[in-house]
Every structure is written in C-alpha cells, then in structure tokens.
C-alpha cells in the first residue's frame, strides 16, 4: 500500500498552466504504475494520464494529449502532471492513483488502481 498526497492545484485563467505533484510514501514506489484522474462536478471520474514504473512509457486521454505531460521522479517518490493551455473544461478535482502491476495494461480503468490521493482542485476560468 502507498499513501498519496497531491498538491499544486489552484485557479488559473484560460490558457494558463499548472503543475500538479503527487508525493508517495511507503516502499516500492517504483513498482507502481502511476495515474492521474479527474472528476468534474456531476460527472464520473475519468482517466487523464498514466506512466510506467520507470517513466519510459506514458499514455494520455485524447482530451489532454499535447497539452499535459506526466513524469515521475522515483528518487523523490513523486509523480507530476504538467498542464498547459488549460481550458474551463479542465476544471475538476484531480486525483493521483497507484496501481501495483506487472504489465502496463488496463491503465484507464479507475477500478484497477489500488491507492488514491485525496485530490486537488483545479479551476480554470474563461
């Protein structure tokens, strides 16, 4: 089990940028596939991005591809989400999640993740 704490959320205007961080505690952080999800008011929690154990492979939802970048620093037990060119449609609570896995599969399925952070609010105004 790993404990996750997100930070870096806030309020920005359309076209702005934010960088989210997710600090993990517990052992074997590098054994986890890490993902970011988001949930807007009245909507289901949706997949945003995921990254493999050593950061070699990444995957993005179509809605954020080309604007968001996921990365990780295993030495610091931290995963990041750089978000650029933000729009009001990106407004949501963003959650970090960890998936103990052998293969980089089923990464868009929120039910496949084992541990979750408490979330950080991102608000984009027009």
Foldseek 3Di string as FASTA:
>chain_A
DKAKAKDWADEEAAQAKIKMKIAIDDPDLLQWWKFKWWDDPPDDIWGAKIAHSQRPDMDGDPVQPPFWDWGDDVVRRMIMIIGGRDDQVPWTWMKMFIARDDDPPPVGPPVRTDDIYPTDTHGYHD
